[in-house]
Amino acid sequence: MLFSHDDLSIVSLDFELINDTLRAIENIKKYKRNLDINYPVLLAATRATKTIAAEALPSLNGIFSYPTLLLLNKKHEVVRIHTGFNGPATGEENYISFTNEYRELIVDLIRQ
């Protein structure tokens, strides 16, 4: 592991399309379990649209794609925004490049 848990905080905001809060919470639990996520995933809104998500994050110029990744420094300033998903299905070379770039950036932010 490159850093200890105390050096990094991860929080996910979930914008659900459905209007049922209890079902949305169950969806989040299932998502966390299936992907083995051990950080908080907070229900930000139900019946959400990109407009509603953008209103929840007014410092952005809108939400253009899900997921949207925000990296903040220790002063809570946004230093990088990534939209969309760069996973294994986007091609192994793209995925490795994306993973390495963000791993390096995160380590640099922790060291600051």
N, C-alpha and C. Protein backbone atom coordinates (compact mmCIF):
# COMPACT_ATOMS: atom_id res chain seq x y z
N MET A 1 0.85 -1.18 0.00
CA MET A 1 0.00 0.00 0.00
C MET A 1 0.89 1.23 0.00
N LEU A 2 0.54 2.23 -0.79
CA LEU A 2 1.36 3.41 -0.94
C LEU A 2 1.17 4.44 0.17
N PHE A 3 0.08 4.37 0.90
CA PHE A 3 -0.21 5.37 1.92
C PHE A 3 -1.13 4.77 2.95
N SER A 4 -1.16 5.40 4.11
CA SER A 4 -2.03 4.89 5.16
C SER A 4 -3.43 5.48 5.01
N HIS A 5 -4.37 4.88 5.66
CA HIS A 5 -5.76 5.30 5.60
C HIS A 5 -5.94 6.74 6.07
N ASP A 6 -5.14 7.19 7.04
CA ASP A 6 -5.27 8.54 7.57
C ASP A 6 -4.86 9.61 6.57
N ASP A 7 -4.14 9.24 5.53
CA ASP A 7 -3.65 10.20 4.55
C ASP A 7 -4.64 10.51 3.43
N LEU A 8 -5.71 9.78 3.36
CA LEU A 8 -6.62 9.91 2.23
C LEU A 8 -8.06 9.70 2.68
N SER A 9 -8.94 10.55 2.20
CA SER A 9 -10.37 10.36 2.45
C SER A 9 -11.08 10.20 1.11
N ILE A 10 -11.94 9.21 1.04
CA ILE A 10 -12.74 8.97 -0.16
C ILE A 10 -14.19 8.96 0.26
N VAL A 11 -14.99 9.72 -0.46
CA VAL A 11 -16.44 9.74 -0.25
C VAL A 11 -17.08 9.74 -1.63
N SER A 12 -18.10 8.94 -1.79
CA SER A 12 -18.82 8.87 -3.05
C SER A 12 -20.23 9.42 -2.86
N LEU A 13 -20.67 10.20 -3.84
CA LEU A 13 -22.04 10.70 -3.83
C LEU A 13 -22.82 9.95 -4.90
N ASP A 14 -23.95 9.40 -4.51
CA ASP A 14 -24.78 8.61 -5.42
C ASP A 14 -26.03 9.41 -5.78
N PHE A 15 -26.23 9.63 -7.06
CA PHE A 15 -27.41 10.30 -7.57
C PHE A 15 -28.27 9.25 -8.26
N GLU A 16 -29.33 8.83 -7.60
CA GLU A 16 -30.19 7.75 -8.09
C GLU A 16 -31.30 8.29 -8.99
N LEU A 17 -31.59 7.55 -10.04
CA LEU A 17 -32.68 7.91 -10.95
C LEU A 17 -34.05 7.62 -10.34
N ILE A 18 -34.11 6.61 -9.48
CA ILE A 18 -35.40 6.21 -8.91
C ILE A 18 -35.84 7.20 -7.83
N ASN A 19 -37.12 7.16 -7.49
CA ASN A 19 -37.68 8.09 -6.51
C ASN A 19 -37.89 7.45 -5.14
N ASP A 20 -37.51 6.20 -4.99
CA ASP A 20 -37.73 5.45 -3.76
C ASP A 20 -36.44 5.43 -2.93
N THR A 21 -36.41 6.19 -1.84
CA THR A 21 -35.21 6.32 -1.02
C THR A 21 -34.75 4.98 -0.46
N LEU A 22 -35.67 4.18 0.06
CA LEU A 22 -35.28 2.88 0.62
C LEU A 22 -34.67 1.97 -0.42
N ARG A 23 -35.25 1.96 -1.60
CA ARG A 23 -34.70 1.15 -2.69
C ARG A 23 -33.34 1.70 -3.14
N ALA A 24 -33.21 3.01 -3.15
CA ALA A 24 -31.92 3.62 -3.51
C ALA A 24 -30.84 3.21 -2.53
N ILE A 25 -31.15 3.20 -1.25
CA ILE A 25 -30.19 2.79 -0.23
C ILE A 25 -29.82 1.33 -0.41
N GLU A 26 -30.79 0.49 -0.72
CA GLU A 26 -30.50 -0.92 -1.00
C GLU A 26 -29.61 -1.06 -2.23
N ASN A 27 -29.86 -0.24 -3.26
CA ASN A 27 -29.01 -0.26 -4.46
C ASN A 27 -27.57 0.08 -4.10
N ILE A 28 -27.40 1.08 -3.24
CA ILE A 28 -26.05 1.49 -2.82
C ILE A 28 -25.37 0.35 -2.06
N LYS A 29 -26.10 -0.29 -1.15
CA LYS A 29 -25.53 -1.41 -0.40
C LYS A 29 -25.09 -2.53 -1.34
N LYS A 30 -25.91 -2.85 -2.31
CA LYS A 30 -25.60 -3.90 -3.28
C LYS A 30 -24.37 -3.51 -4.11
N TYR A 31 -24.33 -2.28 -4.56
CA TYR A 31 -23.22 -1.75 -5.34
C TYR A 31 -21.91 -1.85 -4.54
N LYS A 32 -21.96 -1.43 -3.28
CA LYS A 32 -20.78 -1.49 -2.42
C LYS A 32 -20.32 -2.93 -2.21
N ARG A 33 -21.27 -3.81 -1.97
CA ARG A 33 -20.95 -5.22 -1.73
C ARG A 33 -20.36 -5.85 -2.99
N ASN A 34 -20.98 -5.63 -4.15
CA ASN A 34 -20.52 -6.24 -5.40
C ASN A 34 -19.14 -5.74 -5.82
N LEU A 35 -18.84 -4.48 -5.53
CA LEU A 35 -17.56 -3.91 -5.94
C LEU A 35 -16.55 -3.85 -4.79
N ASP A 36 -16.93 -4.42 -3.65
CA ASP A 36 -16.06 -4.45 -2.46
C ASP A 36 -15.56 -3.05 -2.10
N ILE A 37 -16.49 -2.11 -2.04
CA ILE A 37 -16.18 -0.72 -1.70
C ILE A 37 -16.23 -0.56 -0.19
N ASN A 38 -15.16 -0.01 0.38
CA ASN A 38 -15.11 0.14 1.83
C ASN A 38 -15.12 1.60 2.28
N TYR A 39 -15.44 2.51 1.39
CA TYR A 39 -15.57 3.92 1.75
C TYR A 39 -17.04 4.32 1.69
N PRO A 40 -17.39 5.44 2.32
CA PRO A 40 -18.80 5.84 2.35
C PRO A 40 -19.34 6.18 0.96
N VAL A 41 -20.53 5.70 0.68
CA VAL A 41 -21.29 6.08 -0.51
C VAL A 41 -22.58 6.71 0.00
N LEU A 42 -22.69 8.01 -0.19
CA LEU A 42 -23.82 8.76 0.35
C LEU A 42 -24.88 8.98 -0.71
N LEU A 43 -26.12 8.82 -0.34
CA LEU A 43 -27.22 9.10 -1.25
C LEU A 43 -27.39 10.61 -1.32
N ALA A 44 -27.05 11.19 -2.46
CA ALA A 44 -27.11 12.64 -2.63
C ALA A 44 -28.49 13.10 -3.09
N ALA A 45 -29.15 12.28 -3.90
CA ALA A 45 -30.48 12.66 -4.40
C ALA A 45 -31.15 11.46 -5.04
N THR A 46 -32.47 11.47 -4.98
CA THR A 46 -33.26 10.51 -5.74
C THR A 46 -33.91 11.28 -6.89
N ARG A 47 -34.42 10.54 -7.85
CA ARG A 47 -35.02 11.14 -9.05
C ARG A 47 -34.05 12.18 -9.64
N ALA A 48 -32.77 11.81 -9.62
CA ALA A 48 -31.72 12.75 -9.99
C ALA A 48 -31.49 12.81 -11.49
N THR A 49 -31.14 13.98 -11.93
CA THR A 49 -30.71 14.24 -13.30
C THR A 49 -29.33 14.88 -13.22
N LYS A 50 -28.70 15.07 -14.35
CA LYS A 50 -27.41 15.76 -14.35
C LYS A 50 -27.58 17.19 -13.85
N THR A 51 -28.72 17.79 -14.10
CA THR A 51 -29.00 19.15 -13.61
C THR A 51 -29.05 19.17 -12.09
N ILE A 52 -29.73 18.21 -11.51
CA ILE A 52 -29.82 18.12 -10.04
C ILE A 52 -28.43 17.86 -9.45
N ALA A 53 -27.66 16.98 -10.08
CA ALA A 53 -26.30 16.71 -9.60
C ALA A 53 -25.45 17.96 -9.68
N ALA A 54 -25.58 18.72 -10.76
CA ALA A 54 -24.81 19.96 -10.91
C ALA A 54 -25.21 20.99 -9.86
N GLU A 55 -26.49 21.04 -9.52
CA GLU A 55 -26.95 21.97 -8.48
C GLU A 55 -26.38 21.59 -7.11
N ALA A 56 -26.15 20.30 -6.89
CA ALA A 56 -25.57 19.85 -5.63
C ALA A 56 -24.08 20.17 -5.55
N LEU A 57 -23.45 20.36 -6.70
CA LEU A 57 -22.02 20.66 -6.76
C LEU A 57 -21.82 21.95 -7.56
N PRO A 58 -22.23 23.09 -7.02
CA PRO A 58 -22.24 24.34 -7.79
C PRO A 58 -20.86 24.84 -8.19
N SER A 59 -19.80 24.35 -7.59
CA SER A 59 -18.47 24.81 -7.97
C SER A 59 -18.02 24.22 -9.31
N LEU A 60 -18.75 23.23 -9.81
CA LEU A 60 -18.45 22.66 -11.12
C LEU A 60 -19.24 23.40 -12.20
N ASN A 61 -18.79 23.28 -13.42
CA ASN A 61 -19.52 23.86 -14.54
C ASN A 61 -20.54 22.87 -15.08
N GLY A 62 -21.11 22.08 -14.20
CA GLY A 62 -22.09 21.08 -14.61
C GLY A 62 -21.54 19.68 -14.49
N ILE A 63 -22.44 18.73 -14.56
CA ILE A 63 -22.09 17.31 -14.58
C ILE A 63 -22.36 16.83 -16.00
N PHE A 64 -21.34 16.33 -16.65
CA PHE A 64 -21.47 15.95 -18.05
C PHE A 64 -21.56 14.45 -18.26
N SER A 65 -21.07 13.70 -17.27
CA SER A 65 -21.06 12.25 -17.40
C SER A 65 -20.97 11.64 -16.02
N TYR A 66 -21.46 10.41 -15.90
CA TYR A 66 -21.29 9.64 -14.67
C TYR A 66 -20.30 8.53 -14.95
N PRO A 67 -19.44 8.17 -14.04
CA PRO A 67 -19.18 8.91 -12.81
C PRO A 67 -18.33 10.15 -13.08
N THR A 68 -18.37 11.08 -12.16
CA THR A 68 -17.49 12.25 -12.18
C THR A 68 -16.60 12.15 -10.96
N LEU A 69 -15.30 12.17 -11.19
CA LEU A 69 -14.31 12.03 -10.14
C LEU A 69 -13.71 13.40 -9.85
N LEU A 70 -13.74 13.81 -8.59
CA LEU A 70 -13.14 15.07 -8.17
C LEU A 70 -11.98 14.75 -7.23
N LEU A 71 -10.83 15.31 -7.50
CA LEU A 71 -9.69 15.17 -6.59
C LEU A 71 -9.43 16.54 -5.98
N LEU A 72 -9.39 16.56 -4.66
CA LEU A 72 -9.16 17.80 -3.93
C LEU A 72 -7.84 17.71 -3.18
N ASN A 73 -7.20 18.85 -3.02
CA ASN A 73 -5.98 18.87 -2.22
C ASN A 73 -6.34 19.04 -0.74
N LYS A 74 -5.32 19.19 0.10
CA LYS A 74 -5.56 19.29 1.54
C LYS A 74 -6.26 20.59 1.93
N LYS A 75 -6.28 21.56 1.02
CA LYS A 75 -6.99 22.82 1.26
C LYS A 75 -8.43 22.75 0.76
N HIS A 76 -8.83 21.55 0.31
CA HIS A 76 -10.16 21.28 -0.24
C HIS A 76 -10.41 22.02 -1.55
N GLU A 77 -9.35 22.28 -2.30
CA GLU A 77 -9.46 22.90 -3.62
C GLU A 77 -9.47 21.80 -4.68
N VAL A 78 -10.35 21.92 -5.65
CA VAL A 78 -10.42 20.93 -6.73
C VAL A 78 -9.17 21.08 -7.60
N VAL A 79 -8.42 19.99 -7.75
CA VAL A 79 -7.22 20.01 -8.57
C VAL A 79 -7.37 19.23 -9.87
N ARG A 80 -8.35 18.34 -9.92
CA ARG A 80 -8.57 17.57 -11.15
C ARG A 80 -10.00 17.05 -11.16
N ILE A 81 -10.59 17.08 -12.34
CA ILE A 81 -11.93 16.53 -12.55
C ILE A 81 -11.84 15.54 -13.71
N HIS A 82 -12.38 14.36 -13.50
CA HIS A 82 -12.45 13.37 -14.58
C HIS A 82 -13.90 12.92 -14.71
N THR A 83 -14.40 12.93 -15.93
CA THR A 83 -15.77 12.46 -16.16
C THR A 83 -15.75 11.21 -17.00
N GLY A 84 -16.73 10.37 -16.78
CA GLY A 84 -16.84 9.12 -17.52
C GLY A 84 -16.11 8.01 -16.79
N PHE A 85 -16.03 6.88 -17.43
CA PHE A 85 -15.41 5.71 -16.81
C PHE A 85 -14.29 5.20 -17.69
N ASN A 86 -13.12 5.02 -17.11
CA ASN A 86 -11.99 4.41 -17.79
C ASN A 86 -11.70 3.08 -17.11
N GLY A 87 -12.46 2.08 -17.45
CA GLY A 87 -12.28 0.77 -16.85
C GLY A 87 -11.66 -0.19 -17.84
N PRO A 88 -11.53 -1.45 -17.42
CA PRO A 88 -10.92 -2.46 -18.28
C PRO A 88 -11.61 -2.57 -19.65
N ALA A 89 -12.88 -2.29 -19.72
CA ALA A 89 -13.60 -2.41 -21.00
C ALA A 89 -13.17 -1.34 -22.00
N THR A 90 -12.48 -0.29 -21.55
CA THR A 90 -12.02 0.76 -22.45
C THR A 90 -10.69 0.40 -23.11
N GLY A 91 -10.21 -0.77 -22.82
CA GLY A 91 -8.93 -1.24 -23.36
C GLY A 91 -7.88 -1.25 -22.27
N GLU A 92 -7.13 -2.33 -22.21
CA GLU A 92 -6.16 -2.50 -21.13
C GLU A 92 -5.16 -1.36 -21.07
N GLU A 93 -4.67 -0.91 -22.23
CA GLU A 93 -3.68 0.17 -22.26
C GLU A 93 -4.26 1.48 -21.69
N ASN A 94 -5.50 1.81 -22.07
CA ASN A 94 -6.16 3.01 -21.54
C ASN A 94 -6.37 2.90 -20.04
N TYR A 95 -6.79 1.75 -19.61
CA TYR A 95 -7.06 1.54 -18.18
C TYR A 95 -5.79 1.64 -17.36
N ILE A 96 -4.73 1.02 -17.81
CA ILE A 96 -3.45 1.07 -17.09
C ILE A 96 -2.93 2.50 -17.05
N SER A 97 -3.01 3.21 -18.16
CA SER A 97 -2.55 4.60 -18.21
C SER A 97 -3.35 5.47 -17.25
N PHE A 98 -4.68 5.33 -17.28
CA PHE A 98 -5.55 6.09 -16.38
C PHE A 98 -5.23 5.79 -14.92
N THR A 99 -5.11 4.52 -14.60
CA THR A 99 -4.83 4.09 -13.23
C THR A 99 -3.49 4.65 -12.75
N ASN A 100 -2.46 4.55 -13.58
CA ASN A 100 -1.13 5.05 -13.20
C ASN A 100 -1.13 6.56 -13.01
N GLU A 101 -1.78 7.28 -13.93
CA GLU A 101 -1.83 8.74 -13.85
C GLU A 101 -2.49 9.20 -12.55
N TYR A 102 -3.62 8.59 -12.22
CA TYR A 102 -4.34 9.02 -11.02
C TYR A 102 -3.67 8.53 -9.75
N ARG A 103 -3.04 7.38 -9.78
CA ARG A 103 -2.30 6.90 -8.61
C ARG A 103 -1.16 7.88 -8.30
N GLU A 104 -0.43 8.30 -9.32
CA GLU A 104 0.66 9.26 -9.13
C GLU A 104 0.14 10.60 -8.59
N LEU A 105 -0.96 11.07 -9.15
CA LEU A 105 -1.54 12.33 -8.68
C LEU A 105 -1.98 12.24 -7.22
N ILE A 106 -2.61 11.15 -6.86
CA ILE A 106 -3.07 10.96 -5.48
C ILE A 106 -1.88 10.92 -4.52
N VAL A 107 -0.85 10.20 -4.89
CA VAL A 107 0.34 10.14 -4.04
C VAL A 107 0.96 11.53 -3.89
N ASP A 108 1.03 12.30 -4.98
CA ASP A 108 1.56 13.66 -4.92
C ASP A 108 0.72 14.54 -4.00
N LEU A 109 -0.60 14.42 -4.10
CA LEU A 109 -1.49 15.22 -3.24
C LEU A 109 -1.31 14.85 -1.77
N ILE A 110 -1.11 13.60 -1.49
CA ILE A 110 -0.91 13.16 -0.11
C ILE A 110 0.40 13.71 0.45
N ARG A 111 1.42 13.76 -0.40
CA ARG A 111 2.74 14.22 0.06
C ARG A 111 2.80 15.74 0.26
N GLN A 112 1.86 16.47 -0.31
CA GLN A 112 1.89 17.94 -0.19
C GLN A 112 1.62 18.39 1.23
